[in-house]
Amino acid sequence: MFNLAKCYHGGNGTENNFEEAFYWYQKSAENGYTYAMFNLAYSYSNGEGNLAKCYKNGKGTEKNFEKAFYWYQKSAENSYTYGNV
């Protein structure tokens, strides 16, 4: 399950699909796989900053600098240091 999540996350052998990756990370974590737990925790803790990067770079979505700026601001408000750059 974890390897399937990584494939969806990285676009290895399939299109990038972050929703599917998240689903399979979650299933893997429910089965006690600690690396999946880490990936989920990271996703939750840095979600705003990561979303900003996705909008900035067009990763998994269309590039949108206004939305990127908005989510960088939100992440900075929540003490995510990358958002303060």
N, C-alpha and C. Protein backbone atom coordinates (compact mmCIF):
# COMPACT_ATOMS: atom_id res chain seq x y z
N MET A 1 0.82 -1.18 0.00
CA MET A 1 0.00 0.00 0.00
C MET A 1 0.87 1.26 0.00
N PHE A 2 1.92 1.24 0.80
CA PHE A 2 2.80 2.41 0.89
C PHE A 2 3.47 2.67 -0.46
N ASN A 3 3.93 1.61 -1.11
CA ASN A 3 4.58 1.78 -2.41
C ASN A 3 3.61 2.30 -3.46
N LEU A 4 2.36 1.86 -3.39
CA LEU A 4 1.35 2.38 -4.30
C LEU A 4 1.14 3.88 -4.05
N ALA A 5 1.10 4.26 -2.78
CA ALA A 5 0.97 5.68 -2.43
C ALA A 5 2.13 6.48 -3.01
N LYS A 6 3.35 5.94 -2.89
CA LYS A 6 4.52 6.63 -3.43
C LYS A 6 4.43 6.78 -4.95
N CYS A 7 3.89 5.77 -5.62
CA CYS A 7 3.73 5.86 -7.07
C CYS A 7 2.78 6.98 -7.44
N TYR A 8 1.64 7.04 -6.76
CA TYR A 8 0.70 8.13 -7.03
C TYR A 8 1.29 9.48 -6.66
N HIS A 9 2.02 9.53 -5.58
CA HIS A 9 2.61 10.78 -5.11
C HIS A 9 3.66 11.30 -6.09
N GLY A 10 4.51 10.42 -6.56
CA GLY A 10 5.61 10.83 -7.43
C GLY A 10 5.33 10.72 -8.92
N GLY A 11 4.17 10.16 -9.29
CA GLY A 11 3.87 9.98 -10.71
C GLY A 11 4.72 8.90 -11.35
N ASN A 12 5.07 7.88 -10.58
CA ASN A 12 5.88 6.77 -11.09
C ASN A 12 4.98 5.67 -11.63
N GLY A 13 4.95 5.54 -12.95
CA GLY A 13 4.12 4.52 -13.59
C GLY A 13 2.67 4.93 -13.72
N THR A 14 2.35 6.12 -13.28
CA THR A 14 0.98 6.64 -13.34
C THR A 14 1.05 8.16 -13.27
N GLU A 15 -0.08 8.80 -13.51
CA GLU A 15 -0.15 10.26 -13.34
C GLU A 15 -0.07 10.60 -11.86
N ASN A 16 0.46 11.77 -11.54
CA ASN A 16 0.41 12.23 -10.16
C ASN A 16 -1.05 12.33 -9.74
N ASN A 17 -1.34 11.80 -8.57
CA ASN A 17 -2.70 11.91 -8.03
C ASN A 17 -2.56 11.97 -6.51
N PHE A 18 -2.56 13.18 -5.99
CA PHE A 18 -2.30 13.36 -4.57
C PHE A 18 -3.44 12.84 -3.69
N GLU A 19 -4.65 12.87 -4.21
CA GLU A 19 -5.77 12.31 -3.44
C GLU A 19 -5.61 10.80 -3.27
N GLU A 20 -5.25 10.12 -4.35
CA GLU A 20 -5.02 8.67 -4.26
C GLU A 20 -3.82 8.37 -3.38
N ALA A 21 -2.77 9.17 -3.51
CA ALA A 21 -1.59 8.97 -2.67
C ALA A 21 -1.97 9.11 -1.20
N PHE A 22 -2.72 10.14 -0.88
CA PHE A 22 -3.13 10.36 0.51
C PHE A 22 -3.97 9.18 1.00
N TYR A 23 -4.89 8.71 0.16
CA TYR A 23 -5.74 7.57 0.52
C TYR A 23 -4.89 6.35 0.87
N TRP A 24 -3.91 6.04 0.02
CA TRP A 24 -3.09 4.85 0.25
C TRP A 24 -2.09 5.03 1.38
N TYR A 25 -1.61 6.25 1.59
CA TYR A 25 -0.80 6.51 2.79
C TYR A 25 -1.64 6.26 4.04
N GLN A 26 -2.88 6.72 4.00
CA GLN A 26 -3.77 6.54 5.15
C GLN A 26 -4.04 5.06 5.41
N LYS A 27 -4.33 4.30 4.37
CA LYS A 27 -4.57 2.86 4.52
C LYS A 27 -3.32 2.16 5.08
N SER A 28 -2.18 2.53 4.57
CA SER A 28 -0.93 1.95 5.04
C SER A 28 -0.67 2.31 6.51
N ALA A 29 -0.95 3.54 6.87
CA ALA A 29 -0.78 3.97 8.27
C ALA A 29 -1.73 3.22 9.19
N GLU A 30 -2.96 2.99 8.74
CA GLU A 30 -3.94 2.24 9.54
C GLU A 30 -3.46 0.82 9.81
N ASN A 31 -2.59 0.31 8.94
CA ASN A 31 -2.03 -1.02 9.12
C ASN A 31 -0.69 -1.00 9.85
N GLY A 32 -0.37 0.15 10.45
CA GLY A 32 0.79 0.24 11.31
C GLY A 32 2.11 0.58 10.65
N TYR A 33 2.10 0.98 9.39
CA TYR A 33 3.35 1.27 8.70
C TYR A 33 3.81 2.68 9.07
N THR A 34 4.93 2.76 9.78
CA THR A 34 5.36 4.04 10.35
C THR A 34 5.76 5.08 9.31
N TYR A 35 6.34 4.69 8.19
CA TYR A 35 6.70 5.67 7.16
C TYR A 35 5.44 6.34 6.60
N ALA A 36 4.37 5.59 6.47
CA ALA A 36 3.11 6.18 6.02
C ALA A 36 2.57 7.15 7.06
N MET A 37 2.71 6.79 8.33
CA MET A 37 2.28 7.69 9.41
C MET A 37 3.05 9.00 9.34
N PHE A 38 4.35 8.91 9.09
CA PHE A 38 5.17 10.11 8.97
C PHE A 38 4.70 10.97 7.81
N ASN A 39 4.47 10.35 6.65
CA ASN A 39 4.03 11.12 5.47
C ASN A 39 2.69 11.81 5.73
N LEU A 40 1.79 11.13 6.40
CA LEU A 40 0.51 11.75 6.73
C LEU A 40 0.70 12.91 7.70
N ALA A 41 1.50 12.70 8.72
CA ALA A 41 1.75 13.76 9.70
C ALA A 41 2.38 14.97 9.03
N TYR A 42 3.33 14.73 8.14
CA TYR A 42 3.97 15.83 7.42
C TYR A 42 2.96 16.57 6.55
N SER A 43 2.10 15.82 5.88
CA SER A 43 1.08 16.44 5.04
C SER A 43 0.16 17.33 5.84
N TYR A 44 -0.26 16.84 6.99
CA TYR A 44 -1.15 17.63 7.83
C TYR A 44 -0.44 18.85 8.41
N SER A 45 0.78 18.66 8.90
CA SER A 45 1.45 19.75 9.59
C SER A 45 1.91 20.86 8.66
N ASN A 46 2.20 20.53 7.43
CA ASN A 46 2.71 21.52 6.49
C ASN A 46 1.79 21.73 5.30
N GLY A 47 0.53 21.39 5.46
CA GLY A 47 -0.41 21.42 4.34
C GLY A 47 -0.51 22.76 3.65
N GLU A 48 -0.59 23.84 4.43
CA GLU A 48 -0.74 25.16 3.81
C GLU A 48 0.49 25.53 3.00
N GLY A 49 1.67 25.29 3.56
CA GLY A 49 2.90 25.60 2.82
C GLY A 49 3.05 24.72 1.60
N ASN A 50 2.69 23.46 1.73
CA ASN A 50 2.78 22.55 0.58
C ASN A 50 1.78 22.93 -0.50
N LEU A 51 0.59 23.33 -0.09
CA LEU A 51 -0.41 23.76 -1.07
C LEU A 51 0.09 25.00 -1.81
N ALA A 52 0.71 25.91 -1.09
CA ALA A 52 1.27 27.10 -1.73
C ALA A 52 2.31 26.71 -2.77
N LYS A 53 3.18 25.76 -2.43
CA LYS A 53 4.21 25.32 -3.38
C LYS A 53 3.57 24.68 -4.61
N CYS A 54 2.49 23.93 -4.41
CA CYS A 54 1.81 23.31 -5.55
C CYS A 54 1.27 24.37 -6.50
N TYR A 55 0.63 25.40 -5.94
CA TYR A 55 0.12 26.49 -6.79
C TYR A 55 1.26 27.25 -7.45
N LYS A 56 2.34 27.48 -6.74
CA LYS A 56 3.47 28.23 -7.29
C LYS A 56 4.12 27.49 -8.45
N ASN A 57 4.29 26.17 -8.30
CA ASN A 57 5.02 25.37 -9.29
C ASN A 57 4.12 24.65 -10.29
N GLY A 58 2.81 24.73 -10.10
CA GLY A 58 1.91 24.00 -10.99
C GLY A 58 1.97 22.51 -10.80
N LYS A 59 2.27 22.06 -9.58
CA LYS A 59 2.39 20.63 -9.28
C LYS A 59 1.02 20.10 -8.85
N GLY A 60 0.39 19.30 -9.71
CA GLY A 60 -0.92 18.74 -9.40
C GLY A 60 -2.06 19.70 -9.67
N THR A 61 -1.75 20.89 -10.15
CA THR A 61 -2.76 21.91 -10.43
C THR A 61 -2.18 22.92 -11.41
N GLU A 62 -3.01 23.83 -11.87
CA GLU A 62 -2.53 24.92 -12.71
C GLU A 62 -1.73 25.89 -11.85
N LYS A 63 -0.71 26.52 -12.41
CA LYS A 63 0.01 27.56 -11.68
C LYS A 63 -0.95 28.70 -11.38
N ASN A 64 -0.88 29.19 -10.15
CA ASN A 64 -1.73 30.30 -9.75
C ASN A 64 -1.00 31.05 -8.64
N PHE A 65 -0.36 32.15 -9.02
CA PHE A 65 0.47 32.87 -8.07
C PHE A 65 -0.34 33.59 -6.99
N GLU A 66 -1.56 34.00 -7.32
CA GLU A 66 -2.41 34.63 -6.31
C GLU A 66 -2.76 33.64 -5.20
N LYS A 67 -3.14 32.43 -5.59
CA LYS A 67 -3.46 31.40 -4.60
C LYS A 67 -2.21 30.99 -3.83
N ALA A 68 -1.08 30.91 -4.53
CA ALA A 68 0.18 30.57 -3.86
C ALA A 68 0.49 31.60 -2.79
N PHE A 69 0.37 32.87 -3.13
CA PHE A 69 0.64 33.94 -2.17
C PHE A 69 -0.29 33.84 -0.97
N TYR A 70 -1.58 33.59 -1.24
CA TYR A 70 -2.56 33.46 -0.16
C TYR A 70 -2.16 32.34 0.81
N TRP A 71 -1.80 31.18 0.27
CA TRP A 71 -1.47 30.04 1.13
C TRP A 71 -0.11 30.20 1.80
N TYR A 72 0.82 30.92 1.18
CA TYR A 72 2.07 31.24 1.87
C TYR A 72 1.79 32.14 3.07
N GLN A 73 0.89 33.11 2.88
CA GLN A 73 0.53 33.98 4.01
C GLN A 73 -0.11 33.18 5.13
N LYS A 74 -1.03 32.28 4.79
CA LYS A 74 -1.70 31.47 5.81
C LYS A 74 -0.69 30.60 6.55
N SER A 75 0.24 30.02 5.82
CA SER A 75 1.22 29.16 6.47
C SER A 75 2.13 29.98 7.39
N ALA A 76 2.47 31.20 6.98
CA ALA A 76 3.29 32.06 7.84
C ALA A 76 2.54 32.43 9.11
N GLU A 77 1.24 32.69 8.99
CA GLU A 77 0.42 33.00 10.16
C GLU A 77 0.39 31.84 11.15
N ASN A 78 0.54 30.63 10.64
CA ASN A 78 0.52 29.43 11.48
C ASN A 78 1.92 28.92 11.80
N SER A 79 2.90 29.79 11.67
CA SER A 79 4.29 29.52 12.08
C SER A 79 5.02 28.49 11.23
N TYR A 80 4.57 28.26 10.01
CA TYR A 80 5.33 27.39 9.12
C TYR A 80 6.41 28.25 8.49
N THR A 81 7.66 28.00 8.79
CA THR A 81 8.75 28.91 8.44
C THR A 81 8.91 29.11 6.93
N TYR A 82 8.60 28.12 6.13
CA TYR A 82 8.75 28.28 4.68
C TYR A 82 7.84 29.39 4.17
N GLY A 83 6.70 29.58 4.83
CA GLY A 83 5.79 30.64 4.44
C GLY A 83 6.32 32.03 4.73
N ASN A 84 7.33 32.13 5.57
CA ASN A 84 7.91 33.43 5.91
C ASN A 84 8.98 33.88 4.93
N VAL A 85 9.31 33.06 3.98
CA VAL A 85 10.39 33.38 3.04
C VAL A 85 9.93 34.45 2.08
